[in-house]
Amino acid sequence: LLESNSDIVKFIYRPSSVYGFAGLDRRLGLIPTLIQNAFKYKVSNIYGGMYTLRDYVLARDVGRFIAKNIISPSFDSKSYILATGKP
């Protein structure tokens, strides 16, 4: 997309492990499941590789970042990786 010859300015947003409330009728992700289990005093079993890292970003923060870019856009095409950068 960035390499296309169009005169249109393009923005690519690449979310990385975004979390937030998706509604009660959907499957819960990791963070909401941990919170729900904590309130219910239930054990949360997590399985994964020993060296697996996740960098979770709150959906509200992603929305705020994108809204800010819509209100004050750049005039150059860009690609953004939406991650907090905190291990």
N, C-alpha and C. Protein backbone atom coordinates (compact mmCIF):
# COMPACT_ATOMS: atom_id res chain seq x y z
N LEU A 1 0.83 -1.20 0.00
CA LEU A 1 0.00 0.00 0.00
C LEU A 1 0.86 1.26 0.00
N LEU A 2 1.90 1.28 0.87
CA LEU A 2 2.75 2.47 0.93
C LEU A 2 3.52 2.69 -0.38
N GLU A 3 3.78 1.61 -1.11
CA GLU A 3 4.56 1.73 -2.34
C GLU A 3 3.71 2.02 -3.57
N SER A 4 2.39 2.10 -3.42
CA SER A 4 1.53 2.38 -4.58
C SER A 4 1.80 3.79 -5.07
N ASN A 5 1.53 4.01 -6.34
CA ASN A 5 1.83 5.30 -6.98
C ASN A 5 0.70 6.32 -6.85
N SER A 6 -0.18 6.12 -5.92
CA SER A 6 -1.30 7.03 -5.74
C SER A 6 -0.85 8.30 -5.02
N ASP A 7 -1.55 9.40 -5.29
CA ASP A 7 -1.27 10.66 -4.60
C ASP A 7 -1.98 10.74 -3.25
N ILE A 8 -2.68 9.71 -2.89
CA ILE A 8 -3.42 9.69 -1.62
C ILE A 8 -2.45 9.39 -0.47
N VAL A 9 -2.54 10.16 0.60
CA VAL A 9 -1.73 9.91 1.79
C VAL A 9 -2.31 8.71 2.51
N LYS A 10 -1.45 7.75 2.85
CA LYS A 10 -1.91 6.51 3.46
C LYS A 10 -1.36 6.35 4.87
N PHE A 11 -2.19 5.85 5.77
CA PHE A 11 -1.76 5.55 7.14
C PHE A 11 -2.09 4.09 7.41
N ILE A 12 -1.11 3.35 7.87
CA ILE A 12 -1.30 1.95 8.22
C ILE A 12 -1.09 1.82 9.72
N TYR A 13 -2.10 1.28 10.41
CA TYR A 13 -2.03 1.09 11.86
C TYR A 13 -1.94 -0.40 12.13
N ARG A 14 -0.88 -0.83 12.80
CA ARG A 14 -0.66 -2.24 13.10
C ARG A 14 -0.74 -2.46 14.60
N PRO A 15 -1.93 -2.85 15.10
CA PRO A 15 -2.07 -3.06 16.54
C PRO A 15 -1.33 -4.31 17.02
N SER A 16 -0.78 -4.23 18.21
CA SER A 16 -0.06 -5.34 18.82
C SER A 16 -0.68 -5.65 20.17
N SER A 17 -1.38 -6.76 20.28
CA SER A 17 -1.96 -7.22 21.55
C SER A 17 -2.82 -6.14 22.22
N VAL A 18 -3.81 -5.67 21.50
CA VAL A 18 -4.73 -4.66 22.03
C VAL A 18 -5.77 -5.36 22.90
N TYR A 19 -6.06 -4.77 24.06
CA TYR A 19 -7.08 -5.35 24.93
C TYR A 19 -8.09 -4.29 25.32
N GLY A 20 -9.27 -4.74 25.67
CA GLY A 20 -10.33 -3.85 26.11
C GLY A 20 -11.63 -4.63 26.15
N PHE A 21 -12.69 -3.99 26.58
CA PHE A 21 -13.99 -4.65 26.71
C PHE A 21 -14.62 -4.80 25.34
N ALA A 22 -14.98 -6.03 24.97
CA ALA A 22 -15.58 -6.29 23.67
C ALA A 22 -17.05 -6.67 23.79
N GLY A 23 -17.59 -6.69 24.99
CA GLY A 23 -18.98 -7.07 25.18
C GLY A 23 -19.08 -8.41 25.88
N LEU A 24 -20.22 -8.67 26.49
CA LEU A 24 -20.41 -9.89 27.25
C LEU A 24 -20.73 -11.10 26.38
N ASP A 25 -21.16 -10.87 25.14
CA ASP A 25 -21.54 -11.98 24.27
C ASP A 25 -20.38 -12.54 23.46
N ARG A 26 -19.15 -12.07 23.71
CA ARG A 26 -17.99 -12.52 22.95
C ARG A 26 -17.02 -13.26 23.86
N ARG A 27 -16.13 -14.00 23.23
CA ARG A 27 -15.08 -14.71 23.98
C ARG A 27 -14.16 -13.68 24.60
N LEU A 28 -13.81 -13.87 25.87
CA LEU A 28 -12.95 -12.92 26.57
C LEU A 28 -11.49 -13.18 26.23
N GLY A 29 -10.71 -12.13 26.15
CA GLY A 29 -9.28 -12.23 25.95
C GLY A 29 -8.57 -12.45 27.29
N LEU A 30 -7.25 -12.42 27.26
CA LEU A 30 -6.46 -12.72 28.44
C LEU A 30 -6.71 -11.76 29.60
N ILE A 31 -6.56 -10.47 29.37
CA ILE A 31 -6.68 -9.49 30.45
C ILE A 31 -8.09 -9.49 31.06
N PRO A 32 -9.16 -9.40 30.25
CA PRO A 32 -10.49 -9.46 30.86
C PRO A 32 -10.75 -10.77 31.61
N THR A 33 -10.21 -11.89 31.11
CA THR A 33 -10.37 -13.17 31.80
C THR A 33 -9.67 -13.16 33.15
N LEU A 34 -8.46 -12.62 33.21
CA LEU A 34 -7.74 -12.53 34.48
C LEU A 34 -8.51 -11.67 35.48
N ILE A 35 -9.04 -10.56 35.02
CA ILE A 35 -9.80 -9.67 35.91
C ILE A 35 -11.08 -10.35 36.39
N GLN A 36 -11.79 -10.98 35.46
CA GLN A 36 -13.04 -11.66 35.83
C GLN A 36 -12.76 -12.79 36.83
N ASN A 37 -11.72 -13.57 36.58
CA ASN A 37 -11.39 -14.65 37.50
C ASN A 37 -10.96 -14.12 38.86
N ALA A 38 -10.27 -12.99 38.89
CA ALA A 38 -9.85 -12.40 40.16
C ALA A 38 -11.07 -11.99 40.99
N PHE A 39 -12.07 -11.39 40.34
CA PHE A 39 -13.29 -11.01 41.05
C PHE A 39 -14.05 -12.22 41.58
N LYS A 40 -13.94 -13.34 40.87
CA LYS A 40 -14.64 -14.57 41.28
C LYS A 40 -13.77 -15.47 42.15
N TYR A 41 -12.55 -15.00 42.47
CA TYR A 41 -11.58 -15.79 43.26
C TYR A 41 -11.29 -17.14 42.60
N LYS A 42 -11.22 -17.14 41.27
CA LYS A 42 -10.92 -18.35 40.51
C LYS A 42 -9.47 -18.33 40.06
N VAL A 43 -8.90 -19.50 39.92
CA VAL A 43 -7.54 -19.64 39.41
C VAL A 43 -7.55 -19.46 37.89
N SER A 44 -6.57 -18.74 37.36
CA SER A 44 -6.40 -18.59 35.92
C SER A 44 -5.20 -19.43 35.48
N ASN A 45 -5.45 -20.41 34.63
CA ASN A 45 -4.36 -21.23 34.10
C ASN A 45 -3.90 -20.64 32.77
N ILE A 46 -2.62 -20.34 32.67
CA ILE A 46 -2.06 -19.75 31.46
C ILE A 46 -1.01 -20.70 30.91
N TYR A 47 -1.12 -21.01 29.64
CA TYR A 47 -0.16 -21.89 28.98
C TYR A 47 0.55 -21.11 27.88
N GLY A 48 1.84 -21.34 27.73
CA GLY A 48 2.59 -20.67 26.67
C GLY A 48 4.05 -21.03 26.76
N GLY A 49 4.80 -20.61 25.76
CA GLY A 49 6.23 -20.86 25.74
C GLY A 49 6.94 -20.06 26.82
N MET A 50 8.03 -20.60 27.32
CA MET A 50 8.78 -19.97 28.40
C MET A 50 9.28 -18.57 28.03
N TYR A 51 9.56 -18.34 26.76
CA TYR A 51 10.14 -17.06 26.34
C TYR A 51 9.15 -16.20 25.56
N THR A 52 7.87 -16.50 25.67
CA THR A 52 6.85 -15.71 25.00
C THR A 52 6.63 -14.41 25.76
N LEU A 53 6.67 -13.29 25.05
CA LEU A 53 6.41 -11.98 25.64
C LEU A 53 5.18 -11.37 24.98
N ARG A 54 4.41 -10.63 25.73
CA ARG A 54 3.26 -9.91 25.18
C ARG A 54 3.34 -8.47 25.67
N ASP A 55 2.98 -7.56 24.80
CA ASP A 55 2.98 -6.14 25.11
C ASP A 55 1.56 -5.64 24.89
N TYR A 56 0.75 -5.58 25.94
CA TYR A 56 -0.66 -5.24 25.80
C TYR A 56 -0.88 -3.74 25.79
N VAL A 57 -1.78 -3.29 24.92
CA VAL A 57 -2.12 -1.88 24.78
C VAL A 57 -3.62 -1.75 24.96
N LEU A 58 -4.04 -0.82 25.79
CA LEU A 58 -5.46 -0.59 26.04
C LEU A 58 -6.12 -0.03 24.77
N ALA A 59 -7.27 -0.60 24.40
CA ALA A 59 -7.98 -0.18 23.19
C ALA A 59 -8.27 1.32 23.19
N ARG A 60 -8.60 1.87 24.36
CA ARG A 60 -8.87 3.31 24.48
C ARG A 60 -7.65 4.13 24.07
N ASP A 61 -6.44 3.67 24.43
CA ASP A 61 -5.22 4.38 24.05
C ASP A 61 -4.99 4.32 22.54
N VAL A 62 -5.30 3.19 21.94
CA VAL A 62 -5.17 3.06 20.48
C VAL A 62 -6.14 4.02 19.80
N GLY A 63 -7.39 4.04 20.28
CA GLY A 63 -8.38 4.94 19.71
C GLY A 63 -7.99 6.40 19.85
N ARG A 64 -7.44 6.76 21.00
CA ARG A 64 -6.99 8.14 21.23
C ARG A 64 -5.87 8.52 20.26
N PHE A 65 -4.93 7.60 20.05
CA PHE A 65 -3.81 7.86 19.15
C PHE A 65 -4.30 8.06 17.71
N ILE A 66 -5.19 7.17 17.26
CA ILE A 66 -5.70 7.28 15.90
C ILE A 66 -6.54 8.55 15.74
N ALA A 67 -7.38 8.88 16.72
CA ALA A 67 -8.19 10.10 16.66
C ALA A 67 -7.31 11.34 16.58
N LYS A 68 -6.22 11.35 17.35
CA LYS A 68 -5.28 12.48 17.31
C LYS A 68 -4.68 12.63 15.92
N ASN A 69 -4.37 11.51 15.28
CA ASN A 69 -3.81 11.56 13.93
C ASN A 69 -4.84 11.98 12.89
N ILE A 70 -6.11 11.70 13.13
CA ILE A 70 -7.16 12.14 12.21
C ILE A 70 -7.36 13.64 12.34
N ILE A 71 -7.34 14.14 13.57
CA ILE A 71 -7.55 15.57 13.81
C ILE A 71 -6.38 16.40 13.31
N SER A 72 -5.14 15.92 13.53
CA SER A 72 -3.94 16.63 13.09
C SER A 72 -3.11 15.69 12.22
N PRO A 73 -3.56 15.47 10.99
CA PRO A 73 -2.88 14.48 10.15
C PRO A 73 -1.53 14.95 9.63
N SER A 74 -0.70 13.98 9.35
CA SER A 74 0.57 14.23 8.69
C SER A 74 0.30 14.28 7.19
N PHE A 75 1.20 14.86 6.44
CA PHE A 75 1.01 14.90 4.99
C PHE A 75 1.90 13.88 4.29
N ASP A 76 2.51 12.99 5.07
CA ASP A 76 3.32 11.92 4.54
C ASP A 76 2.68 10.59 4.89
N SER A 77 2.73 9.63 3.97
CA SER A 77 2.23 8.29 4.27
C SER A 77 3.11 7.67 5.35
N LYS A 78 2.48 6.96 6.29
CA LYS A 78 3.22 6.36 7.40
C LYS A 78 2.61 5.04 7.80
N SER A 79 3.42 4.23 8.45
CA SER A 79 2.97 2.99 9.05
C SER A 79 3.31 3.06 10.54
N TYR A 80 2.33 2.73 11.39
CA TYR A 80 2.52 2.80 12.84
C TYR A 80 2.36 1.41 13.44
N ILE A 81 3.25 1.03 14.33
CA ILE A 81 3.08 -0.17 15.12
C ILE A 81 2.55 0.29 16.47
N LEU A 82 1.35 -0.14 16.82
CA LEU A 82 0.69 0.33 18.02
C LEU A 82 1.01 -0.61 19.18
N ALA A 83 2.07 -0.29 19.90
CA ALA A 83 2.53 -1.08 21.05
C ALA A 83 3.06 -0.11 22.09
N THR A 84 3.04 -0.52 23.36
CA THR A 84 3.48 0.39 24.39
C THR A 84 4.99 0.48 24.52
N GLY A 85 5.69 -0.57 24.15
CA GLY A 85 7.15 -0.57 24.28
C GLY A 85 7.61 -0.89 25.67
N LYS A 86 6.69 -1.31 26.55
CA LYS A 86 7.05 -1.69 27.92
C LYS A 86 6.96 -3.21 28.04
N PRO A 87 8.03 -3.87 28.45
CA PRO A 87 7.96 -5.34 28.58
C PRO A 87 7.12 -5.74 29.78
